[in-house]
Each structure stands twice: as C-alpha cells, then as structure tokens.
C-alpha cells in the first residue's frame, strides 16, 4: 500500500467536512483556566516575569548590551555542525 498522498488527495482531505485544522486547538482552549495556571506555575519556577516583548526589541537590547548576533546560540550551532 502506498502511504504517499498526491497533492490532489491532500486537497480533497483538506476540503472534506471531516477535516478541521483547528481540532487540536479546540482541546487546548477547552481547558484554558487549567492551562493558564500551569503556565503561571512554570513561569514562576523559571523566574520569568513581565510581559513578552517583540523579537526586534529583544535583538536591539542584546545589541545595545554588546552581544553579537547569534552569540548566545553560537555554541549550539557549532555543536550541530560537528
């Protein structure tokens, strides 16, 4: 049996009434209060405080503090290339 779908088959599946790309998100939002509490607990354990900031602002702050681009992830990149 061939498990590979053609583009046509994939499109048919996406337009079928049984296909809902948001099904996995529905289950996430159903327990939103519990999810919020768990995330709050995780943030407290990790000492994460305050509201998130845009990536561009973080990159500017890092550059202003003297960090080079990718400096914090350079070790990970080098290990991946080994």
N, C-alpha and C. Protein backbone atom coordinates (compact mmCIF):
# COMPACT_ATOMS: atom_id res chain seq x y z
N UNK A 1 0.84 -1.18 0.00
CA UNK A 1 0.00 0.00 0.00
C UNK A 1 0.88 1.24 0.00
N UNK A 2 0.55 2.22 -0.83
CA UNK A 2 1.32 3.46 -0.94
C UNK A 2 0.78 4.48 0.05
N UNK A 3 1.63 4.89 1.02
CA UNK A 3 1.21 5.86 2.03
C UNK A 3 1.43 7.30 1.60
N UNK A 4 1.96 7.52 0.41
CA UNK A 4 2.21 8.87 -0.06
C UNK A 4 0.95 9.45 -0.69
N UNK A 5 0.58 10.67 -0.28
CA UNK A 5 -0.58 11.33 -0.86
C UNK A 5 -0.14 12.24 -1.98
N UNK A 6 -0.93 12.29 -3.02
CA UNK A 6 -0.67 13.26 -4.07
C UNK A 6 -1.24 14.60 -3.63
N UNK A 7 -0.88 15.67 -4.31
CA UNK A 7 -1.40 16.99 -3.98
C UNK A 7 -2.92 16.99 -4.09
N UNK A 8 -3.44 16.34 -5.08
CA UNK A 8 -4.90 16.28 -5.25
C UNK A 8 -5.58 15.59 -4.08
N UNK A 9 -5.00 14.49 -3.62
CA UNK A 9 -5.58 13.79 -2.48
C UNK A 9 -5.51 14.65 -1.22
N UNK A 10 -4.43 15.36 -1.03
CA UNK A 10 -4.28 16.22 0.14
C UNK A 10 -5.33 17.32 0.11
N UNK A 11 -5.52 17.93 -1.05
CA UNK A 11 -6.53 18.98 -1.17
C UNK A 11 -7.92 18.45 -0.90
N UNK A 12 -8.22 17.22 -1.38
CA UNK A 12 -9.52 16.62 -1.11
C UNK A 12 -9.71 16.43 0.39
N UNK A 13 -8.68 16.00 1.09
CA UNK A 13 -8.76 15.79 2.53
C UNK A 13 -9.00 17.11 3.25
N UNK A 14 -8.33 18.17 2.81
CA UNK A 14 -8.47 19.46 3.48
C UNK A 14 -9.86 20.05 3.32
N UNK A 15 -10.54 19.76 2.20
CA UNK A 15 -11.85 20.35 1.97
C UNK A 15 -12.97 19.43 2.46
N UNK A 16 -12.65 18.26 2.90
CA UNK A 16 -13.67 17.34 3.38
C UNK A 16 -14.26 17.86 4.68
N UNK A 17 -15.57 17.67 4.92
CA UNK A 17 -16.19 18.17 6.14
C UNK A 17 -15.58 17.56 7.41
N UNK A 18 -14.98 16.39 7.31
CA UNK A 18 -14.41 15.75 8.49
C UNK A 18 -13.06 16.37 8.88
N UNK A 19 -12.46 17.13 7.99
CA UNK A 19 -11.15 17.72 8.26
C UNK A 19 -11.32 19.09 8.91
N UNK A 20 -10.74 19.26 10.09
CA UNK A 20 -10.77 20.56 10.76
C UNK A 20 -9.37 20.84 11.28
N UNK A 21 -8.66 21.79 10.68
CA UNK A 21 -7.29 22.06 11.12
C UNK A 21 -7.22 22.63 12.52
N UNK A 22 -8.35 23.04 13.07
CA UNK A 22 -8.36 23.64 14.41
C UNK A 22 -8.75 22.66 15.51
N UNK A 23 -8.97 21.39 15.16
CA UNK A 23 -9.37 20.41 16.17
C UNK A 23 -8.41 20.35 17.33
N UNK A 24 -7.11 20.35 17.06
CA UNK A 24 -6.15 20.25 18.15
C UNK A 24 -6.18 21.51 19.02
N UNK A 25 -6.48 22.67 18.44
CA UNK A 25 -6.57 23.90 19.21
C UNK A 25 -7.82 23.92 20.08
N UNK A 26 -8.91 23.31 19.59
CA UNK A 26 -10.14 23.29 20.38
C UNK A 26 -9.91 22.62 21.73
N UNK A 27 -9.18 21.52 21.75
CA UNK A 27 -8.94 20.83 23.01
C UNK A 27 -8.05 21.67 23.92
N UNK A 28 -7.17 22.47 23.35
CA UNK A 28 -6.31 23.34 24.14
C UNK A 28 -7.13 24.42 24.83
N UNK A 29 -8.04 25.06 24.11
CA UNK A 29 -8.84 26.14 24.68
C UNK A 29 -9.88 25.63 25.65
N UNK A 30 -10.29 24.38 25.54
CA UNK A 30 -11.30 23.84 26.43
C UNK A 30 -10.84 23.88 27.89
N UNK A 31 -9.55 23.66 28.12
CA UNK A 31 -9.02 23.69 29.47
C UNK A 31 -8.18 24.93 29.71
N UNK A 32 -8.64 26.09 29.23
CA UNK A 32 -7.83 27.30 29.26
C UNK A 32 -7.48 27.73 30.68
N UNK A 33 -8.39 27.61 31.63
CA UNK A 33 -8.11 28.02 33.01
C UNK A 33 -6.99 27.16 33.59
N UNK A 34 -7.06 25.86 33.36
CA UNK A 34 -6.02 24.97 33.87
C UNK A 34 -4.69 25.25 33.16
N UNK A 35 -4.75 25.49 31.86
CA UNK A 35 -3.54 25.79 31.09
C UNK A 35 -2.89 27.07 31.59
N UNK A 36 -3.70 28.11 31.84
CA UNK A 36 -3.15 29.36 32.36
C UNK A 36 -2.46 29.15 33.70
N UNK A 37 -3.07 28.37 34.57
CA UNK A 37 -2.49 28.11 35.88
C UNK A 37 -1.17 27.36 35.76
N UNK A 38 -1.12 26.37 34.88
CA UNK A 38 0.11 25.59 34.70
C UNK A 38 1.23 26.47 34.12
N UNK A 39 0.88 27.32 33.16
CA UNK A 39 1.89 28.22 32.58
C UNK A 39 2.37 29.21 33.64
N UNK A 40 1.45 29.72 34.45
CA UNK A 40 1.83 30.64 35.54
C UNK A 40 2.81 29.96 36.49
N UNK A 41 2.53 28.71 36.86
CA UNK A 41 3.42 27.95 37.74
C UNK A 41 4.79 27.76 37.08
N UNK A 42 4.80 27.42 35.80
CA UNK A 42 6.06 27.22 35.08
C UNK A 42 6.88 28.51 35.05
N UNK A 43 6.23 29.62 34.72
CA UNK A 43 6.93 30.90 34.68
C UNK A 43 7.50 31.25 36.04
N UNK A 44 6.76 30.98 37.12
CA UNK A 44 7.27 31.25 38.46
C UNK A 44 8.49 30.41 38.76
N UNK A 45 8.46 29.14 38.39
CA UNK A 45 9.61 28.25 38.62
C UNK A 45 10.84 28.71 37.83
N UNK A 46 10.61 29.26 36.65
CA UNK A 46 11.71 29.71 35.79
C UNK A 46 12.07 31.18 36.03
N UNK A 47 11.42 31.80 37.00
CA UNK A 47 11.63 33.23 37.33
C UNK A 47 11.39 34.14 36.14
N UNK A 48 10.38 33.81 35.35
CA UNK A 48 10.00 34.64 34.21
C UNK A 48 8.96 35.64 34.69
N UNK A 49 9.27 36.93 34.51
CA UNK A 49 8.37 37.99 34.97
C UNK A 49 8.10 38.96 33.84
N UNK A 50 6.99 39.67 33.93
CA UNK A 50 6.68 40.72 32.97
C UNK A 50 6.02 40.21 31.71
N UNK A 51 5.66 41.15 30.88
CA UNK A 51 5.01 40.83 29.61
C UNK A 51 6.06 40.52 28.56
N UNK A 52 5.71 39.69 27.59
CA UNK A 52 6.64 39.40 26.49
C UNK A 52 6.94 40.66 25.69
N UNK A 53 8.11 40.70 25.08
CA UNK A 53 8.48 41.82 24.22
C UNK A 53 8.71 41.30 22.81
N UNK A 54 8.55 42.17 21.82
CA UNK A 54 8.78 41.73 20.43
C UNK A 54 10.23 41.32 20.21
N UNK A 55 10.45 40.41 19.29
CA UNK A 55 11.80 39.91 18.97
C UNK A 55 12.73 41.04 18.57
N UNK A 56 12.21 41.99 17.80
CA UNK A 56 13.04 43.11 17.35
C UNK A 56 13.56 43.92 18.54
N UNK A 57 12.70 44.14 19.53
CA UNK A 57 13.11 44.88 20.72
C UNK A 57 14.17 44.11 21.49
N UNK A 58 13.99 42.81 21.62
CA UNK A 58 14.98 41.98 22.31
C UNK A 58 16.32 42.03 21.58
N UNK A 59 16.29 41.92 20.26
CA UNK A 59 17.52 41.97 19.47
C UNK A 59 18.23 43.30 19.65
N UNK A 60 17.46 44.41 19.69
CA UNK A 60 18.04 45.72 19.92
C UNK A 60 18.68 45.80 21.30
N UNK A 61 17.98 45.28 22.31
CA UNK A 61 18.50 45.29 23.68
C UNK A 61 19.79 44.47 23.78
N UNK A 62 19.83 43.34 23.10
CA UNK A 62 21.03 42.50 23.11
C UNK A 62 22.19 43.21 22.44
N UNK A 63 21.92 43.86 21.32
CA UNK A 63 22.97 44.60 20.61
C UNK A 63 23.47 45.76 21.46
N UNK A 64 22.54 46.46 22.13
CA UNK A 64 22.91 47.59 22.99
C UNK A 64 23.78 47.15 24.16
N UNK A 65 23.62 45.90 24.59
CA UNK A 65 24.42 45.40 25.71
C UNK A 65 25.76 44.84 25.25
N UNK A 66 26.02 44.86 23.93
CA UNK A 66 27.31 44.43 23.42
C UNK A 66 27.35 43.00 22.90
N UNK A 67 26.23 42.31 22.89
CA UNK A 67 26.22 40.95 22.35
C UNK A 67 26.22 40.99 20.83
N UNK A 68 26.99 40.10 20.23
CA UNK A 68 26.99 39.98 18.78
C UNK A 68 25.80 39.12 18.36
N UNK A 69 25.43 39.24 17.09
CA UNK A 69 24.32 38.45 16.57
C UNK A 69 24.64 36.96 16.73
N UNK A 70 23.71 36.19 17.24
CA UNK A 70 23.82 34.74 17.45
C UNK A 70 24.85 34.36 18.50
N UNK A 71 25.33 35.30 19.30
CA UNK A 71 26.36 34.99 20.28
C UNK A 71 25.87 33.96 21.31
N UNK A 72 24.63 34.07 21.73
CA UNK A 72 24.12 33.15 22.75
C UNK A 72 23.85 31.76 22.18
N UNK A 73 23.59 31.67 20.91
CA UNK A 73 23.30 30.35 20.32
C UNK A 73 24.49 29.79 19.54
N UNK A 74 25.59 30.48 19.54
CA UNK A 74 26.75 30.05 18.75
C UNK A 74 27.21 28.65 19.15
N UNK A 75 27.24 28.35 20.45
CA UNK A 75 27.67 27.02 20.90
C UNK A 75 26.78 25.92 20.38
N UNK A 76 25.48 26.18 20.36
CA UNK A 76 24.54 25.19 19.85
C UNK A 76 24.77 24.98 18.35
N UNK A 77 24.97 26.07 17.64
CA UNK A 77 25.21 25.98 16.19
C UNK A 77 26.49 25.21 15.92
N UNK A 78 27.54 25.49 16.68
CA UNK A 78 28.83 24.79 16.49
C UNK A 78 28.70 23.31 16.80
N UNK A 79 27.96 22.97 17.86
CA UNK A 79 27.79 21.56 18.20
C UNK A 79 27.01 20.82 17.12
N UNK A 80 26.05 21.47 16.54
CA UNK A 80 25.25 20.86 15.48
C UNK A 80 26.10 20.59 14.25
N UNK A 81 27.08 21.46 13.99
CA UNK A 81 27.92 21.32 12.81
C UNK A 81 29.02 20.28 12.97
N UNK A 82 29.26 19.82 14.19
CA UNK A 82 30.32 18.83 14.41
C UNK A 82 29.98 17.48 13.86
